């Protein structure tokens, strides 16, 4: 397991797409067809990338939906694994 947390997909969106393209959250939200509040939550690392948002972002930036979903999944998995230790107590079962 990684020691440092993965970057939230909103941070990637902000630093690699919004800033270089000089896009505001409002402009991108309008282009994506979502509310400014929804996009702001993601960019400010309070919201998550849904499958619908992954499709929208992939279309807007010529990426794949998997890119956005993998970023979110890696972020979520790391944080859950750090918050709870109960999963470590699960016994490995032979298959």
Foldseek 3Di string as FASTA:
>chain_A
DDPDAQDQVLCCCVPVPCVVVVHDLCRLCVQLVHDSVQSVCRNVPNDAQDLSNLVSVCVVPVHHSVVRVVSRVSNVVVVVVVVDPVVVPDDDDDD
